[in-house]
């Protein structure tokens, strides 16, 4: 059907599109373009982040075995450090009784004999005893000996008083007029850990108990606390 407008020209309605209609279309198109550009930009950034995340995950997966091995080695290191610390403490506290006794016997003059020799440790951290001239003694030998002259006893004491590795605590001396024998008691202090000077001494010898009778020395057997030695024969060396 065809419609014919029979109204005069001045009364006819203008049906041309308005400016606002074109403006709205343009705004809608511009908005769509902006949103499309933003979407493309965000989509590109998202893809890049996904690629970086995938690359980082691959690196993490690649170093995972090394990380596990590192954790195991770290745990082993901690365990070894604890074991080493205990071993160091045991080594520092270990006492080589045979070495100390051998070093003592080597310095004893031949004109002095002993009937009793007891070796014991000094309490750790104890102050240096004035009896040993302030020397830091860690072990001591309590002994009873005899000689045929005072000079022999004096020589014995001087041998250890002048040695920086030992200290002397002289207890007393008695003289038996019937046989001319001088008996004396003294304590010989050992300063620190002494290496054995006697040939054939075992540097890895196990430590003896904290107190008790000293073991026999490699150079010359020393009598124990329970086995008295015979007194020197008449006419011995002076």
C-alpha atoms as a PDB file:
ATOM      1  CA  UNK A   1       0.000   0.000   0.000  1.00  0.00           C
ATOM      2  CA  UNK A   2       1.251   3.459  -0.921  1.00  0.00           C
ATOM      3  CA  UNK A   3       0.592   6.374   1.362  1.00  0.00           C
ATOM      4  CA  UNK A   4       0.192   9.805  -0.244  1.00  0.00           C
ATOM      5  CA  UNK A   5       0.435  12.938   1.843  1.00  0.00           C
ATOM      6  CA  UNK A   6      -2.181  15.343   0.485  1.00  0.00           C
ATOM      7  CA  UNK A   7      -1.435  18.111   3.040  1.00  0.00           C
ATOM      8  CA  UNK A   8       0.085  21.322   1.803  1.00  0.00           C
ATOM      9  CA  UNK A   9       3.872  21.494   1.840  1.00  0.00           C
ATOM     10  CA  UNK A  10       4.007  23.812   4.810  1.00  0.00           C
ATOM     11  CA  UNK A  11       2.029  21.392   6.918  1.00  0.00           C
ATOM     12  CA  UNK A  12       3.909  18.268   6.045  1.00  0.00           C
ATOM     13  CA  UNK A  13       6.087  16.588   8.909  1.00  0.00           C
ATOM     14  CA  UNK A  14       9.822  16.559   8.400  1.00  0.00           C
ATOM     15  CA  UNK A  15      10.991  12.955   8.596  1.00  0.00           C
ATOM     16  CA  UNK A  16      14.795  13.412   8.086  1.00  0.00           C
ATOM     17  CA  UNK A  17      17.039  11.801  10.775  1.00  0.00           C
ATOM     18  CA  UNK A  18      18.056  14.174  13.605  1.00  0.00           C
ATOM     19  CA  UNK A  19      21.642  14.986  14.611  1.00  0.00           C
ATOM     20  CA  UNK A  20      21.278  13.237  17.986  1.00  0.00           C
ATOM     21  CA  UNK A  21      20.551   9.954  16.323  1.00  0.00           C
ATOM     22  CA  UNK A  22      23.841  10.103  14.439  1.00  0.00           C
ATOM     23  CA  UNK A  23      25.658  11.190  17.599  1.00  0.00           C
ATOM     24  CA  UNK A  24      24.305   8.233  19.580  1.00  0.00           C
ATOM     25  CA  UNK A  25      25.376   5.833  16.864  1.00  0.00           C
ATOM     26  CA  UNK A  26      28.838   7.352  16.826  1.00  0.00           C
ATOM     27  CA  UNK A  27      29.108   7.160  20.637  1.00  0.00           C
ATOM     28  CA  UNK A  28      28.032   3.533  20.634  1.00  0.00           C
ATOM     29  CA  UNK A  29      30.591   2.696  17.970  1.00  0.00           C
ATOM     30  CA  UNK A  30      33.363   4.553  19.834  1.00  0.00           C
ATOM     31  CA  UNK A  31      32.474   2.799  23.081  1.00  0.00           C
ATOM     32  CA  UNK A  32      32.543  -0.569  21.378  1.00  0.00           C
ATOM     33  CA  UNK A  33      35.949   0.236  19.873  1.00  0.00           C
ATOM     34  CA  UNK A  34      37.373   1.314  23.244  1.00  0.00           C
ATOM     35  CA  UNK A  35      36.036  -1.773  24.985  1.00  0.00           C
ATOM     36  CA  UNK A  36      37.374  -3.963  22.224  1.00  0.00           C
ATOM     37  CA  UNK A  37      40.838  -2.398  22.468  1.00  0.00           C
ATOM     38  CA  UNK A  38      40.850  -2.730  26.268  1.00  0.00           C
ATOM     39  CA  UNK A  39      39.758  -6.371  26.012  1.00  0.00           C
ATOM     40  CA  UNK A  40      42.499  -7.135  23.532  1.00  0.00           C
ATOM     41  CA  UNK A  41      45.092  -5.412  25.744  1.00  0.00           C
ATOM     42  CA  UNK A  42      43.979  -7.233  28.898  1.00  0.00           C
ATOM     43  CA  UNK A  43      43.788 -10.509  27.002  1.00  0.00           C
ATOM     44  CA  UNK A  44      47.368 -10.023  25.767  1.00  0.00           C
ATOM     45  CA  UNK A  45      48.648  -9.227  29.285  1.00  0.00           C
ATOM     46  CA  UNK A  46      46.804 -12.258  30.651  1.00  0.00           C
ATOM     47  CA  UNK A  47      48.378 -14.521  28.069  1.00  0.00           C
ATOM     48  CA  UNK A  48      51.835 -13.150  28.886  1.00  0.00           C
ATOM     49  CA  UNK A  49      51.255 -13.734  32.617  1.00  0.00           C
ATOM     50  CA  UNK A  50      50.071 -17.261  31.920  1.00  0.00           C
ATOM     51  CA  UNK A  51      53.183 -17.941  29.842  1.00  0.00           C
ATOM     52  CA  UNK A  52      55.475 -16.540  32.568  1.00  0.00           C
ATOM     53  CA  UNK A  53      53.624 -18.548  35.197  1.00  0.00           C
ATOM     54  CA  UNK A  54      54.035 -21.709  33.121  1.00  0.00           C
ATOM     55  CA  UNK A  55      57.764 -20.986  32.615  1.00  0.00           C
ATOM     56  CA  UNK A  56      58.261 -20.397  36.358  1.00  0.00           C
ATOM     57  CA  UNK A  57      56.398 -23.589  37.188  1.00  0.00           C
ATOM     58  CA  UNK A  58      58.667 -25.489  34.828  1.00  0.00           C
ATOM     59  CA  UNK A  59      61.725 -24.025  36.569  1.00  0.00           C
ATOM     60  CA  UNK A  60      60.278 -24.963  39.966  1.00  0.00           C
ATOM     61  CA  UNK A  61      59.623 -28.495  38.763  1.00  0.00           C
ATOM     62  CA  UNK A  62      63.174 -28.677  37.372  1.00  0.00           C
ATOM     63  CA  UNK A  63      64.823 -27.660  40.676  1.00  0.00           C
ATOM     64  CA  UNK A  64      62.464 -29.697  42.891  1.00  0.00           C
ATOM     65  CA  UNK A  65      64.835 -32.741  43.037  1.00  0.00           C
ATOM     66  CA  UNK A  66      67.791 -30.487  43.868  1.00  0.00           C
ATOM     67  CA  UNK A  67      65.763 -28.763  46.578  1.00  0.00           C
ATOM     68  CA  UNK A  68      64.833 -32.106  48.085  1.00  0.00           C
ATOM     69  CA  UNK A  69      68.486 -33.175  47.984  1.00  0.00           C
ATOM     70  CA  UNK A  70      69.520 -29.870  49.554  1.00  0.00           C
ATOM     71  CA  UNK A  71      67.046 -30.367  52.400  1.00  0.00           C
ATOM     72  CA  UNK A  72      68.391 -33.881  52.982  1.00  0.00           C
ATOM     73  CA  UNK A  73      71.998 -32.632  53.004  1.00  0.00           C
ATOM     74  CA  UNK A  74      71.083 -29.804  55.371  1.00  0.00           C
ATOM     75  CA  UNK A  75      69.519 -32.299  57.771  1.00  0.00           C
ATOM     76  CA  UNK A  76      72.611 -34.530  57.526  1.00  0.00           C
ATOM     77  CA  UNK A  77      74.874 -31.541  58.124  1.00  0.00           C
ATOM     78  CA  UNK A  78      72.978 -30.670  61.302  1.00  0.00           C
ATOM     79  CA  UNK A  79      73.257 -34.259  62.518  1.00  0.00           C
ATOM     80  CA  UNK A  80      76.980 -34.414  61.729  1.00  0.00           C
ATOM     81  CA  UNK A  81      77.569 -31.112  63.507  1.00  0.00           C
ATOM     82  CA  UNK A  82      75.893 -32.481  66.627  1.00  0.00           C
ATOM     83  CA  UNK A  83      77.942 -35.695  66.451  1.00  0.00           C
ATOM     84  CA  UNK A  84      81.138 -33.704  65.852  1.00  0.00           C
ATOM     85  CA  UNK A  85      80.373 -31.461  68.809  1.00  0.00           C
ATOM     86  CA  UNK A  86      79.946 -34.477  71.081  1.00  0.00           C
ATOM     87  CA  UNK A  87      83.146 -36.064  69.715  1.00  0.00           C
ATOM     88  CA  UNK A  88      85.057 -32.820  70.278  1.00  0.00           C
ATOM     89  CA  UNK A  89      83.853 -32.612  73.866  1.00  0.00           C
ATOM     90  CA  UNK A  90      84.847 -36.229  74.498  1.00  0.00           C
ATOM     91  CA  UNK A  91      88.262 -35.611  72.908  1.00  0.00           C
ATOM     92  CA  UNK A  92      88.876 -32.492  74.999  1.00  0.00           C
ATOM     93  CA  UNK A  93      87.872 -34.277  78.198  1.00  0.00           C
ATOM     94  CA  UNK A  94      89.803 -37.470  77.451  1.00  0.00           C
ATOM     95  CA  UNK A  95      92.700 -38.242  79.789  1.00  0.00           C
ATOM     96  CA  UNK A  96      95.736 -40.190  78.593  1.00  0.00           C
ATOM     97  CA  UNK A  97      96.801 -41.718  81.870  1.00  0.00           C
ATOM     98  CA  UNK A  98      99.535 -43.919  80.398  1.00  0.00           C
ATOM     99  CA  UNK A  99     101.140 -40.934  78.638  1.00  0.00           C
ATOM    100  CA  UNK A 100     101.210 -38.851  81.817  1.00  0.00           C
ATOM    101  CA  UNK A 101     102.575 -41.713  83.877  1.00  0.00           C
ATOM    102  CA  UNK A 102     105.267 -42.479  81.297  1.00  0.00           C
ATOM    103  CA  UNK A 103     106.319 -38.818  81.248  1.00  0.00           C
ATOM    104  CA  UNK A 104     106.471 -38.835  85.064  1.00  0.00           C
ATOM    105  CA  UNK A 105     108.520 -42.049  85.272  1.00  0.00           C
ATOM    106  CA  UNK A 106     111.011 -40.760  82.712  1.00  0.00           C
ATOM    107  CA  UNK A 107     111.878 -37.819  84.990  1.00  0.00           C
ATOM    108  CA  UNK A 108     112.223 -39.814  88.229  1.00  0.00           C
ATOM    109  CA  UNK A 109     115.873 -40.127  89.357  1.00  0.00           C
ATOM    110  CA  UNK A 110     117.180 -43.647  89.766  1.00  0.00           C
ATOM    111  CA  UNK A 111     118.011 -43.197  93.466  1.00  0.00           C
ATOM    112  CA  UNK A 112     114.343 -42.853  94.518  1.00  0.00           C
ATOM    113  CA  UNK A 113     111.809 -45.685  94.724  1.00  0.00           C
ATOM    114  CA  UNK A 114     108.069 -45.635  95.415  1.00  0.00           C
ATOM    115  CA  UNK A 115     105.885 -47.882  97.518  1.00  0.00           C
ATOM    116  CA  UNK A 116     102.554 -46.297  96.517  1.00  0.00           C
ATOM    117  CA  UNK A 117     101.490 -44.276  93.500  1.00  0.00           C
ATOM    118  CA  UNK A 118      97.860 -43.167  93.023  1.00  0.00           C
ATOM    119  CA  UNK A 119      96.780 -41.060  90.052  1.00  0.00           C
ATOM    120  CA  UNK A 120      93.572 -39.021  89.979  1.00  0.00           C
ATOM    121  CA  UNK A 121      92.014 -36.120  88.131  1.00  0.00           C
ATOM    122  CA  UNK A 122      91.525 -32.602  89.435  1.00  0.00           C
ATOM    123  CA  UNK A 123      87.972 -31.259  89.269  1.00  0.00           C
ATOM    124  CA  UNK A 124      87.403 -29.395  85.952  1.00  0.00           C
ATOM    125  CA  UNK A 125      87.388 -25.635  86.346  1.00  0.00           C
ATOM    126  CA  UNK A 126      89.127 -25.754  89.743  1.00  0.00           C
ATOM    127  CA  UNK A 127      91.315 -22.795  90.619  1.00  0.00           C
ATOM    128  CA  UNK A 128      95.090 -23.385  90.331  1.00  0.00           C
ATOM    129  CA  UNK A 129      96.299 -24.741  93.657  1.00  0.00           C
ATOM    130  CA  UNK A 130      98.820 -22.707  95.613  1.00  0.00           C
ATOM    131  CA  UNK A 131     100.448 -26.033  96.479  1.00  0.00           C
ATOM    132  CA  UNK A 132     101.522 -26.280  92.824  1.00  0.00           C
ATOM    133  CA  UNK A 133     102.704 -22.654  92.610  1.00  0.00           C
ATOM    134  CA  UNK A 134      99.512 -21.662  90.809  1.00  0.00           C
ATOM    135  CA  UNK A 135     100.053 -24.037  87.895  1.00  0.00           C
ATOM    136  CA  UNK A 136      96.839 -25.209  86.166  1.00  0.00           C
ATOM    137  CA  UNK A 137      97.064 -28.850  87.210  1.00  0.00           C
ATOM    138  CA  UNK A 138      94.539 -31.250  85.661  1.00  0.00           C
ATOM    139  CA  UNK A 139      95.762 -34.523  87.196  1.00  0.00           C
ATOM    140  CA  UNK A 140      97.920 -35.441  90.159  1.00  0.00           C
ATOM    141  CA  UNK A 141      99.948 -38.392  91.401  1.00  0.00           C
ATOM    142  CA  UNK A 142      99.857 -39.009  95.147  1.00  0.00           C
ATOM    143  CA  UNK A 143     102.918 -41.026  96.009  1.00  0.00           C
ATOM    144  CA  UNK A 144     104.933 -42.440  98.876  1.00  0.00           C
ATOM    145  CA  UNK A 145     108.623 -42.971  98.224  1.00  0.00           C
ATOM    146  CA  UNK A 146     111.942 -43.630  99.894  1.00  0.00           C
ATOM    147  CA  UNK A 147     115.588 -42.829  99.368  1.00  0.00           C
ATOM    148  CA  UNK A 148     118.888 -43.277 101.227  1.00  0.00           C
ATOM    149  CA  UNK A 149     119.674 -39.579 101.514  1.00  0.00           C
ATOM    150  CA  UNK A 150     118.003 -36.224 101.760  1.00  0.00           C
ATOM    151  CA  UNK A 151     119.933 -35.102  98.708  1.00  0.00           C
ATOM    152  CA  UNK A 152     118.223 -37.790  96.613  1.00  0.00           C
ATOM    153  CA  UNK A 153     114.790 -36.536  97.693  1.00  0.00           C
ATOM    154  CA  UNK A 154     115.764 -32.932  97.024  1.00  0.00           C
ATOM    155  CA  UNK A 155     116.970 -33.897  93.547  1.00  0.00           C
ATOM    156  CA  UNK A 156     113.679 -35.666  92.898  1.00  0.00           C
ATOM    157  CA  UNK A 157     111.657 -32.625  93.933  1.00  0.00           C
ATOM    158  CA  UNK A 158     113.836 -30.245  91.920  1.00  0.00           C
ATOM    159  CA  UNK A 159     113.387 -32.386  88.806  1.00  0.00           C
ATOM    160  CA  UNK A 160     109.673 -31.655  88.830  1.00  0.00           C
ATOM    161  CA  UNK A 161     109.658 -28.155  90.333  1.00  0.00           C
ATOM    162  CA  UNK A 162     111.818 -26.863  87.477  1.00  0.00           C
ATOM    163  CA  UNK A 163     109.659 -28.573  84.819  1.00  0.00           C
ATOM    164  CA  UNK A 164     106.868 -26.329  83.488  1.00  0.00           C
ATOM    165  CA  UNK A 165     104.750 -29.407  82.757  1.00  0.00           C
ATOM    166  CA  UNK A 166     104.615 -30.477  86.407  1.00  0.00           C
ATOM    167  CA  UNK A 167     104.055 -29.072  89.869  1.00  0.00           C
ATOM    168  CA  UNK A 168     105.131 -30.424  93.269  1.00  0.00           C
ATOM    169  CA  UNK A 169     103.226 -30.485  96.551  1.00  0.00           C
ATOM    170  CA  UNK A 170     105.656 -31.869  99.149  1.00  0.00           C
ATOM    171  CA  UNK A 171     103.824 -33.373 102.142  1.00  0.00           C
ATOM    172  CA  UNK A 172     106.596 -34.456 104.492  1.00  0.00           C
ATOM    173  CA  UNK A 173     109.629 -36.684 105.159  1.00  0.00           C
ATOM    174  CA  UNK A 174     110.640 -39.136 107.863  1.00  0.00           C
ATOM    175  CA  UNK A 175     113.945 -40.790 108.692  1.00  0.00           C
ATOM    176  CA  UNK A 176     114.304 -44.332 109.979  1.00  0.00           C
ATOM    177  CA  UNK A 177     117.455 -44.405 112.099  1.00  0.00           C
ATOM    178  CA  UNK A 178     117.580 -48.193 112.182  1.00  0.00           C
ATOM    179  CA  UNK A 179     118.236 -48.574 108.448  1.00  0.00           C
ATOM    180  CA  UNK A 180     119.030 -44.976 107.421  1.00  0.00           C
ATOM    181  CA  UNK A 181     116.082 -44.827 104.943  1.00  0.00           C
ATOM    182  CA  UNK A 182     114.232 -41.575 104.333  1.00  0.00           C
ATOM    183  CA  UNK A 183     110.549 -41.946 103.478  1.00  0.00           C
ATOM    184  CA  UNK A 184     108.500 -39.077 102.084  1.00  0.00           C
ATOM    185  CA  UNK A 185     105.057 -38.291 100.715  1.00  0.00           C
ATOM    186  CA  UNK A 186     104.298 -35.835  97.941  1.00  0.00           C
ATOM    187  CA  UNK A 187     101.877 -35.041  95.147  1.00  0.00           C
ATOM    188  CA  UNK A 188     103.037 -34.413  91.591  1.00  0.00           C
ATOM    189  CA  UNK A 189     100.618 -32.328  89.529  1.00  0.00           C
ATOM    190  CA  UNK A 190     100.382 -32.724  85.746  1.00  0.00           C
ATOM    191  CA  UNK A 191      99.821 -29.465  83.881  1.00  0.00           C
ATOM    192  CA  UNK A 192      97.406 -29.908  80.977  1.00  0.00           C
ATOM    193  CA  UNK A 193      97.639 -32.821  78.531  1.00  0.00           C
ATOM    194  CA  UNK A 194     101.184 -34.174  78.374  1.00  0.00           C
ATOM    195  CA  UNK A 195     102.443 -36.148  75.346  1.00  0.00           C
ATOM    196  CA  UNK A 196     104.230 -39.342  76.262  1.00  0.00           C
ATOM    197  CA  UNK A 197     108.014 -39.029  76.070  1.00  0.00           C
ATOM    198  CA  UNK A 198     108.644 -42.752  76.567  1.00  0.00           C
ATOM    199  CA  UNK A 199     109.292 -44.778  73.403  1.00  0.00           C
ATOM    200  CA  UNK A 200     106.444 -47.014  72.307  1.00  0.00           C
ATOM    201  CA  UNK A 201     103.764 -45.156  74.267  1.00  0.00           C
ATOM    202  CA  UNK A 202     100.346 -45.467  72.648  1.00  0.00           C
ATOM    203  CA  UNK A 203      98.939 -41.954  71.935  1.00  0.00           C
ATOM    204  CA  UNK A 204      95.433 -43.410  71.557  1.00  0.00           C
ATOM    205  CA  UNK A 205      95.415 -45.251  74.864  1.00  0.00           C
ATOM    206  CA  UNK A 206      92.044 -45.290  76.559  1.00  0.00           C
ATOM    207  CA  UNK A 207      91.622 -43.167  79.664  1.00  0.00           C
ATOM    208  CA  UNK A 208      91.626 -44.761  83.096  1.00  0.00           C
ATOM    209  CA  UNK A 209      88.890 -44.151  85.700  1.00  0.00           C
ATOM    210  CA  UNK A 210      88.749 -40.747  87.370  1.00  0.00           C
ATOM    211  CA  UNK A 211      90.334 -42.107  90.531  1.00  0.00           C
ATOM    212  CA  UNK A 212      92.283 -45.230  91.361  1.00  0.00           C
ATOM    213  CA  UNK A 213      95.679 -46.780  91.073  1.00  0.00           C
ATOM    214  CA  UNK A 214      97.819 -45.542  88.181  1.00  0.00           C
ATOM    215  CA  UNK A 215      98.556 -48.060  85.377  1.00  0.00           C
ATOM    216  CA  UNK A 216     102.050 -49.356  84.732  1.00  0.00           C
ATOM    217  CA  UNK A 217     104.270 -47.072  82.618  1.00  0.00           C
ATOM    218  CA  UNK A 218     105.877 -48.390  79.420  1.00  0.00           C
ATOM    219  CA  UNK A 219     109.391 -47.380  80.506  1.00  0.00           C
ATOM    220  CA  UNK A 220     109.324 -48.744  84.054  1.00  0.00           C
ATOM    221  CA  UNK A 221     106.432 -50.444  85.905  1.00  0.00           C
ATOM    222  CA  UNK A 222     105.142 -48.351  88.801  1.00  0.00           C
ATOM    223  CA  UNK A 223     103.744 -50.145  91.873  1.00  0.00           C
ATOM    224  CA  UNK A 224     100.031 -49.748  92.503  1.00  0.00           C
ATOM    225  CA  UNK A 225      98.364 -48.386  95.593  1.00  0.00           C
ATOM    226  CA  UNK A 226      97.698 -51.881  96.908  1.00  0.00           C
ATOM    227  CA  UNK A 227     101.063 -53.481  96.045  1.00  0.00           C
ATOM    228  CA  UNK A 228     103.919 -52.038  98.104  1.00  0.00           C
ATOM    229  CA  UNK A 229     107.364 -52.171  96.546  1.00  0.00           C
ATOM    230  CA  UNK A 230     110.382 -53.389  98.404  1.00  0.00           C
ATOM    231  CA  UNK A 231     112.563 -50.780 100.112  1.00  0.00           C
ATOM    232  CA  UNK A 232     115.938 -50.081  98.499  1.00  0.00           C
ATOM    233  CA  UNK A 233     118.735 -52.382  99.479  1.00  0.00           C
ATOM    234  CA  UNK A 234     121.464 -51.290 101.831  1.00  0.00           C
ATOM    235  CA  UNK A 235     124.384 -49.553 100.155  1.00  0.00           C
ATOM    236  CA  UNK A 236     122.316 -48.256  97.207  1.00  0.00           C
ATOM    237  CA  UNK A 237     123.203 -45.192  95.196  1.00  0.00           C
ATOM    238  CA  UNK A 238     123.185 -41.909  97.083  1.00  0.00           C
END
